[in-house]
Amino acid sequence: MNRTFVSLGAWLAFVAVALGAFGTHSLRGKISDANLDVWHTAVQYHLFHAVALIAVGLVAAHANNKLIRNAGWLFVAGIAVFGGSLYTLALTDVKVLGAITPLGGLCFLGGWACLAVGASKS
């Protein structure tokens, strides 16, 4: 499982950097400044949690338990839901998508809690 999380985290970080560059170079002037800020918030959380996913993979090499694995999958879900809803909101300006974003934030919080407890149990 540790290789899966390290590899997935690295690929998700790659995508975050690409989306950050896309936002900076291709979206400026095409979407509102407020939506560009939303885009950059999505990139920031996406990249941060991709790196956290790599950390989960490294921790799993020494403390591979269910909580550590749950942390990894919660980070993946958080990137998909939190980031995905904000990326889509920034591009479409469909405000109802903002109601989905907190679910991704809860995934991030759950991931951090699982990582903390799972690491302390090993």
N, C-alpha and C. Protein backbone atom coordinates (compact mmCIF):
# COMPACT_ATOMS: atom_id res chain seq x y z
N MET A 1 0.82 -1.19 0.00
CA MET A 1 0.00 0.00 0.00
C MET A 1 0.86 1.26 0.00
N ASN A 2 2.05 1.20 0.61
CA ASN A 2 2.86 2.40 0.68
C ASN A 2 3.31 2.87 -0.70
N ARG A 3 3.62 1.97 -1.61
CA ARG A 3 3.99 2.37 -2.97
C ARG A 3 2.81 3.03 -3.69
N THR A 4 1.63 2.50 -3.48
CA THR A 4 0.43 3.07 -4.10
C THR A 4 0.25 4.53 -3.69
N PHE A 5 0.37 4.80 -2.40
CA PHE A 5 0.16 6.17 -1.92
C PHE A 5 1.28 7.10 -2.36
N VAL A 6 2.51 6.64 -2.36
CA VAL A 6 3.62 7.49 -2.82
C VAL A 6 3.46 7.81 -4.29
N SER A 7 3.17 6.81 -5.09
CA SER A 7 2.99 7.03 -6.53
C SER A 7 1.79 7.90 -6.82
N LEU A 8 0.67 7.60 -6.19
CA LEU A 8 -0.55 8.39 -6.40
C LEU A 8 -0.33 9.84 -5.95
N GLY A 9 0.33 10.02 -4.82
CA GLY A 9 0.63 11.36 -4.33
C GLY A 9 1.52 12.13 -5.30
N ALA A 10 2.51 11.46 -5.85
CA ALA A 10 3.40 12.13 -6.81
C ALA A 10 2.63 12.54 -8.07
N TRP A 11 1.79 11.65 -8.57
CA TRP A 11 0.99 11.99 -9.76
C TRP A 11 0.00 13.11 -9.47
N LEU A 12 -0.62 13.07 -8.30
CA LEU A 12 -1.55 14.14 -7.95
C LEU A 12 -0.82 15.48 -7.76
N ALA A 13 0.40 15.44 -7.26
CA ALA A 13 1.20 16.66 -7.15
C ALA A 13 1.53 17.19 -8.54
N PHE A 14 1.89 16.30 -9.46
CA PHE A 14 2.14 16.67 -10.85
C PHE A 14 0.93 17.40 -11.44
N VAL A 15 -0.25 16.82 -11.24
CA VAL A 15 -1.48 17.41 -11.76
C VAL A 15 -1.73 18.77 -11.10
N ALA A 16 -1.48 18.88 -9.80
CA ALA A 16 -1.69 20.16 -9.10
C ALA A 16 -0.79 21.25 -9.67
N VAL A 17 0.46 20.92 -9.92
CA VAL A 17 1.38 21.91 -10.49
C VAL A 17 0.92 22.31 -11.89
N ALA A 18 0.48 21.33 -12.68
CA ALA A 18 -0.01 21.63 -14.03
C ALA A 18 -1.25 22.51 -13.96
N LEU A 19 -2.17 22.21 -13.05
CA LEU A 19 -3.38 23.03 -12.92
C LEU A 19 -3.05 24.43 -12.40
N GLY A 20 -2.06 24.53 -11.52
CA GLY A 20 -1.64 25.84 -11.05
C GLY A 20 -1.08 26.68 -12.18
N ALA A 21 -0.25 26.07 -13.01
CA ALA A 21 0.31 26.79 -14.16
C ALA A 21 -0.79 27.16 -15.15
N PHE A 22 -1.72 26.24 -15.38
CA PHE A 22 -2.83 26.53 -16.27
C PHE A 22 -3.64 27.72 -15.77
N GLY A 23 -3.93 27.73 -14.48
CA GLY A 23 -4.69 28.83 -13.91
C GLY A 23 -3.98 30.16 -14.05
N THR A 24 -2.69 30.16 -13.77
CA THR A 24 -1.92 31.39 -13.83
C THR A 24 -1.75 31.90 -15.25
N HIS A 25 -1.48 31.00 -16.18
CA HIS A 25 -1.13 31.42 -17.54
C HIS A 25 -2.30 31.42 -18.52
N SER A 26 -3.31 30.62 -18.26
CA SER A 26 -4.40 30.51 -19.24
C SER A 26 -5.73 31.07 -18.77
N LEU A 27 -5.95 31.14 -17.47
CA LEU A 27 -7.25 31.60 -16.99
C LEU A 27 -7.28 33.08 -16.64
N ARG A 28 -6.11 33.66 -16.38
CA ARG A 28 -6.08 35.08 -16.03
C ARG A 28 -6.69 35.91 -17.16
N GLY A 29 -7.67 36.72 -16.80
CA GLY A 29 -8.36 37.53 -17.79
C GLY A 29 -9.55 36.84 -18.44
N LYS A 30 -9.66 35.52 -18.24
CA LYS A 30 -10.77 34.76 -18.83
C LYS A 30 -11.85 34.45 -17.80
N ILE A 31 -11.46 34.42 -16.54
CA ILE A 31 -12.43 34.25 -15.46
C ILE A 31 -12.22 35.41 -14.48
N SER A 32 -13.19 35.63 -13.63
CA SER A 32 -13.10 36.75 -12.69
C SER A 32 -11.95 36.54 -11.71
N ASP A 33 -11.49 37.63 -11.13
CA ASP A 33 -10.42 37.53 -10.12
C ASP A 33 -10.87 36.69 -8.93
N ALA A 34 -12.15 36.81 -8.57
CA ALA A 34 -12.67 36.01 -7.46
C ALA A 34 -12.60 34.51 -7.81
N ASN A 35 -12.97 34.16 -9.04
CA ASN A 35 -12.91 32.76 -9.44
C ASN A 35 -11.47 32.29 -9.60
N LEU A 36 -10.58 33.17 -9.98
CA LEU A 36 -9.16 32.81 -10.05
C LEU A 36 -8.61 32.53 -8.64
N ASP A 37 -9.09 33.29 -7.66
CA ASP A 37 -8.71 33.01 -6.26
C ASP A 37 -9.24 31.64 -5.82
N VAL A 38 -10.45 31.32 -6.23
CA VAL A 38 -11.02 30.00 -5.92
C VAL A 38 -10.16 28.91 -6.55
N TRP A 39 -9.76 29.11 -7.80
CA TRP A 39 -8.89 28.15 -8.51
C TRP A 39 -7.59 27.95 -7.74
N HIS A 40 -6.98 29.05 -7.31
CA HIS A 40 -5.70 28.93 -6.60
C HIS A 40 -5.86 28.28 -5.23
N THR A 41 -7.01 28.49 -4.58
CA THR A 41 -7.27 27.79 -3.33
C THR A 41 -7.35 26.28 -3.58
N ALA A 42 -8.02 25.90 -4.65
CA ALA A 42 -8.11 24.47 -5.00
C ALA A 42 -6.72 23.89 -5.25
N VAL A 43 -5.90 24.61 -6.00
CA VAL A 43 -4.54 24.13 -6.29
C VAL A 43 -3.73 23.99 -5.01
N GLN A 44 -3.85 24.98 -4.12
CA GLN A 44 -3.08 24.95 -2.87
C GLN A 44 -3.43 23.71 -2.03
N TYR A 45 -4.72 23.49 -1.81
CA TYR A 45 -5.13 22.32 -1.02
C TYR A 45 -4.82 21.02 -1.74
N HIS A 46 -4.98 21.00 -3.04
CA HIS A 46 -4.67 19.82 -3.85
C HIS A 46 -3.20 19.45 -3.69
N LEU A 47 -2.31 20.43 -3.87
CA LEU A 47 -0.88 20.15 -3.79
C LEU A 47 -0.48 19.75 -2.37
N PHE A 48 -0.98 20.47 -1.40
CA PHE A 48 -0.62 20.17 -0.01
C PHE A 48 -1.02 18.75 0.36
N HIS A 49 -2.20 18.33 -0.06
CA HIS A 49 -2.66 16.99 0.31
C HIS A 49 -2.06 15.90 -0.58
N ALA A 50 -1.60 16.25 -1.76
CA ALA A 50 -0.83 15.29 -2.56
C ALA A 50 0.48 14.97 -1.85
N VAL A 51 1.13 15.99 -1.30
CA VAL A 51 2.36 15.77 -0.53
C VAL A 51 2.05 14.98 0.74
N ALA A 52 0.91 15.29 1.38
CA ALA A 52 0.50 14.52 2.56
C ALA A 52 0.29 13.05 2.20
N LEU A 53 -0.23 12.79 1.01
CA LEU A 53 -0.43 11.41 0.56
C LEU A 53 0.91 10.69 0.41
N ILE A 54 1.92 11.40 -0.07
CA ILE A 54 3.27 10.81 -0.15
C ILE A 54 3.75 10.48 1.26
N ALA A 55 3.50 11.38 2.20
CA ALA A 55 3.88 11.12 3.59
C ALA A 55 3.17 9.90 4.15
N VAL A 56 1.90 9.74 3.81
CA VAL A 56 1.15 8.55 4.24
C VAL A 56 1.83 7.29 3.72
N GLY A 57 2.23 7.32 2.46
CA GLY A 57 2.93 6.17 1.90
C GLY A 57 4.22 5.86 2.63
N LEU A 58 4.95 6.89 3.00
CA LEU A 58 6.21 6.68 3.73
C LEU A 58 5.94 6.18 5.14
N VAL A 59 4.92 6.71 5.80
CA VAL A 59 4.55 6.24 7.14
C VAL A 59 4.07 4.80 7.06
N ALA A 60 3.34 4.45 6.02
CA ALA A 60 2.80 3.10 5.87
C ALA A 60 3.91 2.05 5.76
N ALA A 61 5.09 2.46 5.34
CA ALA A 61 6.21 1.52 5.28
C ALA A 61 6.61 1.06 6.68
N HIS A 62 6.28 1.86 7.70
CA HIS A 62 6.66 1.53 9.08
C HIS A 62 5.47 1.26 9.98
N ALA A 63 4.32 1.79 9.63
CA ALA A 63 3.13 1.68 10.48
C ALA A 63 1.93 1.42 9.60
N ASN A 64 1.92 0.28 8.93
CA ASN A 64 0.86 -0.01 7.98
C ASN A 64 -0.33 -0.62 8.71
N ASN A 65 -1.30 0.23 9.05
CA ASN A 65 -2.52 -0.26 9.70
C ASN A 65 -3.71 0.36 8.99
N LYS A 66 -4.89 -0.05 9.42
CA LYS A 66 -6.12 0.40 8.74
C LYS A 66 -6.28 1.92 8.80
N LEU A 67 -5.92 2.53 9.92
CA LEU A 67 -6.07 3.98 10.04
C LEU A 67 -5.15 4.72 9.07
N ILE A 68 -3.95 4.23 8.88
CA ILE A 68 -3.02 4.85 7.94
C ILE A 68 -3.57 4.73 6.52
N ARG A 69 -4.06 3.56 6.18
CA ARG A 69 -4.66 3.37 4.85
C ARG A 69 -5.89 4.26 4.67
N ASN A 70 -6.72 4.35 5.70
CA ASN A 70 -7.88 5.24 5.62
C ASN A 70 -7.46 6.69 5.41
N ALA A 71 -6.38 7.10 6.08
CA ALA A 71 -5.88 8.47 5.90
C ALA A 71 -5.56 8.73 4.43
N GLY A 72 -4.87 7.78 3.80
CA GLY A 72 -4.53 7.95 2.39
C GLY A 72 -5.74 8.09 1.51
N TRP A 73 -6.72 7.22 1.69
CA TRP A 73 -7.90 7.27 0.84
C TRP A 73 -8.76 8.49 1.13
N LEU A 74 -8.76 8.94 2.38
CA LEU A 74 -9.49 10.18 2.70
C LEU A 74 -8.83 11.39 2.05
N PHE A 75 -7.49 11.41 1.98
CA PHE A 75 -6.81 12.51 1.28
C PHE A 75 -7.14 12.48 -0.21
N VAL A 76 -7.18 11.30 -0.80
CA VAL A 76 -7.55 11.18 -2.22
C VAL A 76 -8.98 11.70 -2.42
N ALA A 77 -9.90 11.26 -1.57
CA ALA A 77 -11.29 11.71 -1.68
C ALA A 77 -11.39 13.21 -1.47
N GLY A 78 -10.64 13.75 -0.53
CA GLY A 78 -10.66 15.18 -0.29
C GLY A 78 -10.18 15.98 -1.48
N ILE A 79 -9.12 15.50 -2.12
CA ILE A 79 -8.62 16.19 -3.32
C ILE A 79 -9.70 16.16 -4.40
N ALA A 80 -10.33 15.01 -4.58
CA ALA A 80 -11.35 14.89 -5.62
C ALA A 80 -12.56 15.78 -5.33
N VAL A 81 -13.05 15.75 -4.11
CA VAL A 81 -14.28 16.48 -3.78
C VAL A 81 -14.01 17.96 -3.55
N PHE A 82 -13.05 18.27 -2.69
CA PHE A 82 -12.74 19.67 -2.38
C PHE A 82 -12.18 20.35 -3.63
N GLY A 83 -11.11 19.80 -4.15
CA GLY A 83 -10.49 20.40 -5.33
C GLY A 83 -11.40 20.37 -6.54
N GLY A 84 -12.01 19.24 -6.78
CA GLY A 84 -12.87 19.11 -7.95
C GLY A 84 -14.03 20.09 -7.94
N SER A 85 -14.65 20.26 -6.76
CA SER A 85 -15.77 21.21 -6.69
C SER A 85 -15.29 22.64 -6.89
N LEU A 86 -14.13 22.99 -6.33
CA LEU A 86 -13.63 24.36 -6.50
C LEU A 86 -13.15 24.62 -7.92
N TYR A 87 -12.47 23.66 -8.53
CA TYR A 87 -12.05 23.83 -9.93
C TYR A 87 -13.28 24.06 -10.82
N THR A 88 -14.30 23.25 -10.61
CA THR A 88 -15.51 23.36 -11.42
C THR A 88 -16.24 24.67 -11.14
N LEU A 89 -16.32 25.06 -9.87
CA LEU A 89 -16.93 26.33 -9.50
C LEU A 89 -16.22 27.50 -10.17
N ALA A 90 -14.89 27.48 -10.16
CA ALA A 90 -14.13 28.57 -10.76
C ALA A 90 -14.38 28.68 -12.25
N LEU A 91 -14.53 27.55 -12.92
CA LEU A 91 -14.72 27.56 -14.37
C LEU A 91 -16.15 27.84 -14.78
N THR A 92 -17.12 27.41 -13.97
CA THR A 92 -18.52 27.51 -14.38
C THR A 92 -19.29 28.59 -13.65
N ASP A 93 -18.79 29.02 -12.50
CA ASP A 93 -19.47 29.99 -11.65
C ASP A 93 -20.82 29.48 -11.15
N VAL A 94 -20.98 28.15 -11.08
CA VAL A 94 -22.19 27.54 -10.54
C VAL A 94 -22.00 27.46 -9.02
N LYS A 95 -22.66 28.37 -8.31
CA LYS A 95 -22.44 28.55 -6.87
C LYS A 95 -22.86 27.35 -6.03
N VAL A 96 -23.81 26.54 -6.49
CA VAL A 96 -24.27 25.40 -5.71
C VAL A 96 -23.13 24.41 -5.45
N LEU A 97 -22.11 24.43 -6.29
CA LEU A 97 -20.96 23.54 -6.09
C LEU A 97 -20.23 23.86 -4.79
N GLY A 98 -20.36 25.10 -4.32
CA GLY A 98 -19.75 25.47 -3.05
C GLY A 98 -20.30 24.68 -1.88
N ALA A 99 -21.51 24.14 -2.03
CA ALA A 99 -22.11 23.34 -0.96
C ALA A 99 -21.44 21.97 -0.83
N ILE A 100 -20.79 21.51 -1.88
CA ILE A 100 -20.13 20.21 -1.88
C ILE A 100 -18.73 20.31 -1.26
N THR A 101 -18.11 21.46 -1.42
CA THR A 101 -16.72 21.65 -1.01
C THR A 101 -16.45 21.25 0.44
N PRO A 102 -17.30 21.60 1.40
CA PRO A 102 -17.02 21.22 2.79
C PRO A 102 -16.92 19.71 3.01
N LEU A 103 -17.58 18.92 2.18
CA LEU A 103 -17.45 17.46 2.31
C LEU A 103 -16.01 17.04 2.04
N GLY A 104 -15.39 17.68 1.07
CA GLY A 104 -13.98 17.41 0.81
C GLY A 104 -13.11 17.86 1.98
N GLY A 105 -13.47 19.00 2.58
CA GLY A 105 -12.75 19.46 3.76
C GLY A 105 -12.86 18.48 4.92
N LEU A 106 -14.04 17.88 5.08
CA LEU A 106 -14.21 16.86 6.11
C LEU A 106 -13.35 15.64 5.83
N CYS A 107 -13.21 15.28 4.55
CA CYS A 107 -12.31 14.18 4.18
C CYS A 107 -10.88 14.51 4.59
N PHE A 108 -10.44 15.75 4.33
CA PHE A 108 -9.09 16.16 4.74
C PHE A 108 -8.93 16.05 6.25
N LEU A 109 -9.90 16.56 7.00
CA LEU A 109 -9.83 16.49 8.46
C LEU A 109 -9.79 15.05 8.95
N GLY A 110 -10.64 14.22 8.36
CA GLY A 110 -10.63 12.80 8.72
C GLY A 110 -9.31 12.14 8.40
N GLY A 111 -8.73 12.50 7.27
CA GLY A 111 -7.43 11.95 6.89
C GLY A 111 -6.35 12.32 7.89
N TRP A 112 -6.34 13.59 8.30
CA TRP A 112 -5.33 14.01 9.28
C TRP A 112 -5.54 13.31 10.62
N ALA A 113 -6.79 13.16 11.04
CA ALA A 113 -7.08 12.48 12.30
C ALA A 113 -6.66 11.01 12.22
N CYS A 114 -6.97 10.34 11.12
CA CYS A 114 -6.57 8.94 10.96
C CYS A 114 -5.05 8.80 10.96
N LEU A 115 -4.39 9.72 10.28
CA LEU A 115 -2.92 9.67 10.23
C LEU A 115 -2.34 9.85 11.64
N ALA A 116 -2.87 10.81 12.39
CA ALA A 116 -2.35 11.06 13.73
C ALA A 116 -2.56 9.85 14.65
N VAL A 117 -3.76 9.31 14.65
CA VAL A 117 -4.06 8.19 15.53
C VAL A 117 -3.33 6.93 15.04
N GLY A 118 -3.37 6.70 13.72
CA GLY A 118 -2.72 5.51 13.18
C GLY A 118 -1.22 5.49 13.41
N ALA A 119 -0.58 6.64 13.30
CA ALA A 119 0.86 6.71 13.54
C ALA A 119 1.18 6.51 15.02
N SER A 120 0.31 6.99 15.91
CA SER A 120 0.58 6.86 17.33
C SER A 120 0.35 5.43 17.83
N LYS A 121 -0.41 4.64 17.10
CA LYS A 121 -0.70 3.27 17.52
C LYS A 121 0.38 2.27 17.10
N SER A 122 1.32 2.70 16.31
CA SER A 122 2.35 1.76 15.83
C SER A 122 3.58 1.81 16.67
